């Protein structure tokens, strides 16, 4: 698969975040059926929420491949 530089940057950024901020706690969150608001807030700050929503409506206006890359990295974490 050939990614654009922007897509690679998004993937790498979310991979780092997931490995540092999600993976160490994922087992505990699964056992407790929780996902902390702080982690969700951080995902929003990284631009992982509203990625494909047009900019005119407050989103990032990005492509679906970028969204797929973000979802993959979050799931891996």
N, C-alpha and C. Protein backbone atom coordinates (compact mmCIF):
# COMPACT_ATOMS: atom_id res chain seq x y z
N UNK A 1 0.85 -1.17 0.00
CA UNK A 1 0.00 0.00 0.00
C UNK A 1 0.90 1.24 0.00
N UNK A 2 0.57 2.18 -0.83
CA UNK A 2 1.34 3.42 -0.93
C UNK A 2 0.55 4.51 -0.22
N UNK A 3 1.18 5.12 0.77
CA UNK A 3 0.55 6.18 1.54
C UNK A 3 1.19 7.52 1.19
N UNK A 4 0.40 8.57 1.36
CA UNK A 4 0.96 9.91 1.20
C UNK A 4 1.79 10.23 2.44
N UNK A 5 2.60 11.26 2.35
CA UNK A 5 3.39 11.67 3.52
C UNK A 5 2.49 12.04 4.68
N UNK A 6 1.38 12.70 4.39
CA UNK A 6 0.44 13.09 5.45
C UNK A 6 -0.15 11.86 6.12
N UNK A 7 -0.52 10.85 5.33
CA UNK A 7 -1.07 9.62 5.89
C UNK A 7 -0.04 8.90 6.75
N UNK A 8 1.21 8.86 6.30
CA UNK A 8 2.27 8.23 7.09
C UNK A 8 2.48 8.97 8.40
N UNK A 9 2.44 10.29 8.36
CA UNK A 9 2.61 11.10 9.57
C UNK A 9 1.46 10.83 10.55
N UNK A 10 0.24 10.77 10.04
CA UNK A 10 -0.92 10.49 10.89
C UNK A 10 -0.78 9.10 11.51
N UNK A 11 -0.45 8.11 10.69
CA UNK A 11 -0.29 6.74 11.19
C UNK A 11 0.77 6.67 12.27
N UNK A 12 1.93 7.26 12.02
CA UNK A 12 3.03 7.20 12.97
C UNK A 12 2.69 7.92 14.27
N UNK A 13 2.02 9.05 14.15
CA UNK A 13 1.64 9.82 15.33
C UNK A 13 0.66 9.04 16.20
N UNK A 14 -0.34 8.44 15.57
CA UNK A 14 -1.31 7.65 16.33
C UNK A 14 -0.71 6.36 16.84
N UNK A 15 0.23 5.78 16.12
CA UNK A 15 0.90 4.58 16.61
C UNK A 15 1.66 4.89 17.89
N UNK A 16 2.40 5.99 17.90
CA UNK A 16 3.14 6.39 19.10
C UNK A 16 2.18 6.63 20.27
N UNK A 17 1.10 7.35 19.99
CA UNK A 17 0.13 7.63 21.04
C UNK A 17 -0.45 6.33 21.60
N UNK A 18 -0.87 5.43 20.71
CA UNK A 18 -1.49 4.18 21.14
C UNK A 18 -0.53 3.33 21.97
N UNK A 19 0.74 3.29 21.58
CA UNK A 19 1.71 2.49 22.31
C UNK A 19 2.03 3.09 23.68
N UNK A 20 2.03 4.40 23.76
CA UNK A 20 2.39 5.07 25.02
C UNK A 20 1.20 5.27 25.95
N UNK A 21 0.03 5.62 25.39
CA UNK A 21 -1.10 6.05 26.22
C UNK A 21 -2.25 5.07 26.29
N UNK A 22 -2.30 4.11 25.36
CA UNK A 22 -3.41 3.16 25.37
C UNK A 22 -2.98 1.74 25.75
N UNK A 23 -1.98 1.22 25.07
CA UNK A 23 -1.58 -0.17 25.25
C UNK A 23 -1.28 -0.56 26.71
N UNK A 24 -0.56 0.29 27.47
CA UNK A 24 -0.26 -0.12 28.84
C UNK A 24 -1.49 -0.31 29.73
N UNK A 25 -2.60 0.28 29.36
CA UNK A 25 -3.80 0.25 30.21
C UNK A 25 -4.96 -0.52 29.57
N UNK A 26 -4.79 -0.98 28.34
CA UNK A 26 -5.89 -1.58 27.58
C UNK A 26 -6.48 -2.80 28.28
N UNK A 27 -5.66 -3.65 28.84
CA UNK A 27 -6.17 -4.83 29.54
C UNK A 27 -7.07 -4.47 30.71
N UNK A 28 -6.62 -3.52 31.49
CA UNK A 28 -7.42 -3.07 32.64
C UNK A 28 -8.74 -2.46 32.17
N UNK A 29 -8.68 -1.62 31.13
CA UNK A 29 -9.90 -0.99 30.62
C UNK A 29 -10.86 -2.04 30.08
N UNK A 30 -10.34 -3.06 29.42
CA UNK A 30 -11.20 -4.13 28.92
C UNK A 30 -11.87 -4.87 30.06
N UNK A 31 -11.09 -5.20 31.07
CA UNK A 31 -11.65 -5.93 32.22
C UNK A 31 -12.74 -5.11 32.92
N UNK A 32 -12.53 -3.81 33.00
CA UNK A 32 -13.48 -2.94 33.71
C UNK A 32 -14.55 -2.34 32.79
N UNK A 33 -14.47 -2.66 31.51
CA UNK A 33 -15.43 -2.14 30.54
C UNK A 33 -15.48 -0.61 30.57
N UNK A 34 -14.29 0.00 30.56
CA UNK A 34 -14.20 1.46 30.61
C UNK A 34 -13.25 1.97 29.54
N UNK A 35 -13.36 3.24 29.26
CA UNK A 35 -12.40 3.96 28.43
C UNK A 35 -12.39 5.38 28.97
N UNK A 36 -11.28 5.81 29.55
CA UNK A 36 -11.27 7.08 30.26
C UNK A 36 -11.47 8.29 29.36
N UNK A 37 -12.17 9.26 29.90
CA UNK A 37 -12.44 10.50 29.17
C UNK A 37 -11.15 11.21 28.80
N UNK A 38 -10.12 11.10 29.63
CA UNK A 38 -8.84 11.76 29.33
C UNK A 38 -8.23 11.22 28.03
N UNK A 39 -8.28 9.91 27.84
CA UNK A 39 -7.73 9.32 26.62
C UNK A 39 -8.56 9.74 25.41
N UNK A 40 -9.86 9.80 25.58
CA UNK A 40 -10.72 10.26 24.48
C UNK A 40 -10.44 11.72 24.15
N UNK A 41 -10.25 12.53 25.17
CA UNK A 41 -9.92 13.94 24.97
C UNK A 41 -8.59 14.08 24.22
N UNK A 42 -7.61 13.27 24.59
CA UNK A 42 -6.32 13.32 23.92
C UNK A 42 -6.44 12.90 22.45
N UNK A 43 -7.27 11.91 22.18
CA UNK A 43 -7.50 11.51 20.79
C UNK A 43 -8.10 12.67 20.00
N UNK A 44 -9.00 13.40 20.63
CA UNK A 44 -9.57 14.57 19.98
C UNK A 44 -8.54 15.63 19.70
N UNK A 45 -7.65 15.86 20.65
CA UNK A 45 -6.59 16.85 20.48
C UNK A 45 -5.63 16.47 19.35
N UNK A 46 -5.47 15.17 19.14
CA UNK A 46 -4.62 14.69 18.06
C UNK A 46 -5.32 14.76 16.70
N UNK A 47 -6.61 15.05 16.73
CA UNK A 47 -7.36 15.14 15.49
C UNK A 47 -7.96 13.82 15.05
N UNK A 48 -7.99 12.84 15.93
CA UNK A 48 -8.51 11.52 15.57
C UNK A 48 -10.03 11.46 15.55
N UNK A 49 -10.69 12.46 16.07
CA UNK A 49 -12.15 12.50 16.07
C UNK A 49 -12.62 13.50 15.03
N UNK A 50 -13.63 13.16 14.29
CA UNK A 50 -14.14 14.06 13.27
C UNK A 50 -13.21 14.22 12.08
N UNK A 51 -12.42 13.21 11.82
CA UNK A 51 -11.43 13.30 10.75
C UNK A 51 -12.04 13.52 9.38
N UNK A 52 -13.12 12.82 9.07
CA UNK A 52 -13.68 12.90 7.72
C UNK A 52 -14.83 13.91 7.63
N UNK A 53 -15.11 14.58 8.73
CA UNK A 53 -16.13 15.63 8.72
C UNK A 53 -15.53 16.84 8.00
N UNK A 54 -16.26 17.45 7.08
CA UNK A 54 -15.73 18.62 6.36
C UNK A 54 -15.32 19.75 7.31
N UNK A 55 -14.28 20.45 6.93
CA UNK A 55 -13.77 21.55 7.75
C UNK A 55 -14.84 22.60 8.04
N UNK A 56 -15.71 22.83 7.08
CA UNK A 56 -16.75 23.84 7.27
C UNK A 56 -17.69 23.49 8.41
N UNK A 57 -17.72 22.23 8.81
CA UNK A 57 -18.56 21.80 9.92
C UNK A 57 -17.74 21.46 11.17
N UNK A 58 -16.49 21.91 11.19
CA UNK A 58 -15.66 21.73 12.37
C UNK A 58 -14.78 20.49 12.38
N UNK A 59 -14.79 19.73 11.31
CA UNK A 59 -13.97 18.54 11.24
C UNK A 59 -12.63 18.83 10.60
N UNK A 60 -11.89 17.76 10.35
CA UNK A 60 -10.56 17.90 9.75
C UNK A 60 -10.59 17.81 8.22
N UNK A 61 -11.69 17.30 7.66
CA UNK A 61 -11.80 17.20 6.21
C UNK A 61 -10.79 16.26 5.58
N UNK A 62 -10.44 15.19 6.30
CA UNK A 62 -9.43 14.26 5.79
C UNK A 62 -10.09 13.11 5.04
N UNK A 63 -9.25 12.29 4.43
CA UNK A 63 -9.74 11.17 3.63
C UNK A 63 -9.98 9.93 4.49
N UNK A 64 -10.71 8.99 3.93
CA UNK A 64 -11.07 7.78 4.67
C UNK A 64 -9.88 6.87 4.91
N UNK A 65 -8.87 6.88 4.07
CA UNK A 65 -7.68 6.08 4.31
C UNK A 65 -7.01 6.53 5.61
N UNK A 66 -6.95 7.83 5.84
CA UNK A 66 -6.38 8.33 7.08
C UNK A 66 -7.18 7.85 8.28
N UNK A 67 -8.50 7.86 8.14
CA UNK A 67 -9.36 7.37 9.22
C UNK A 67 -9.09 5.89 9.49
N UNK A 68 -8.95 5.09 8.44
CA UNK A 68 -8.67 3.67 8.61
C UNK A 68 -7.34 3.47 9.33
N UNK A 69 -6.34 4.24 8.96
CA UNK A 69 -5.03 4.13 9.62
C UNK A 69 -5.13 4.45 11.10
N UNK A 70 -5.90 5.47 11.44
CA UNK A 70 -6.08 5.85 12.85
C UNK A 70 -6.80 4.74 13.61
N UNK A 71 -7.85 4.21 13.02
CA UNK A 71 -8.60 3.14 13.68
C UNK A 71 -7.73 1.91 13.89
N UNK A 72 -6.91 1.56 12.91
CA UNK A 72 -6.01 0.43 13.05
C UNK A 72 -5.04 0.62 14.21
N UNK A 73 -4.47 1.82 14.30
CA UNK A 73 -3.49 2.07 15.36
C UNK A 73 -4.13 2.10 16.74
N UNK A 74 -5.33 2.65 16.84
CA UNK A 74 -6.03 2.65 18.12
C UNK A 74 -6.38 1.21 18.52
N UNK A 75 -6.86 0.43 17.57
CA UNK A 75 -7.19 -0.97 17.85
C UNK A 75 -5.97 -1.76 18.28
N UNK A 76 -4.84 -1.50 17.66
CA UNK A 76 -3.60 -2.20 18.02
C UNK A 76 -3.16 -1.84 19.45
N UNK A 77 -3.46 -0.63 19.84
CA UNK A 77 -3.08 -0.17 21.19
C UNK A 77 -4.02 -0.70 22.23
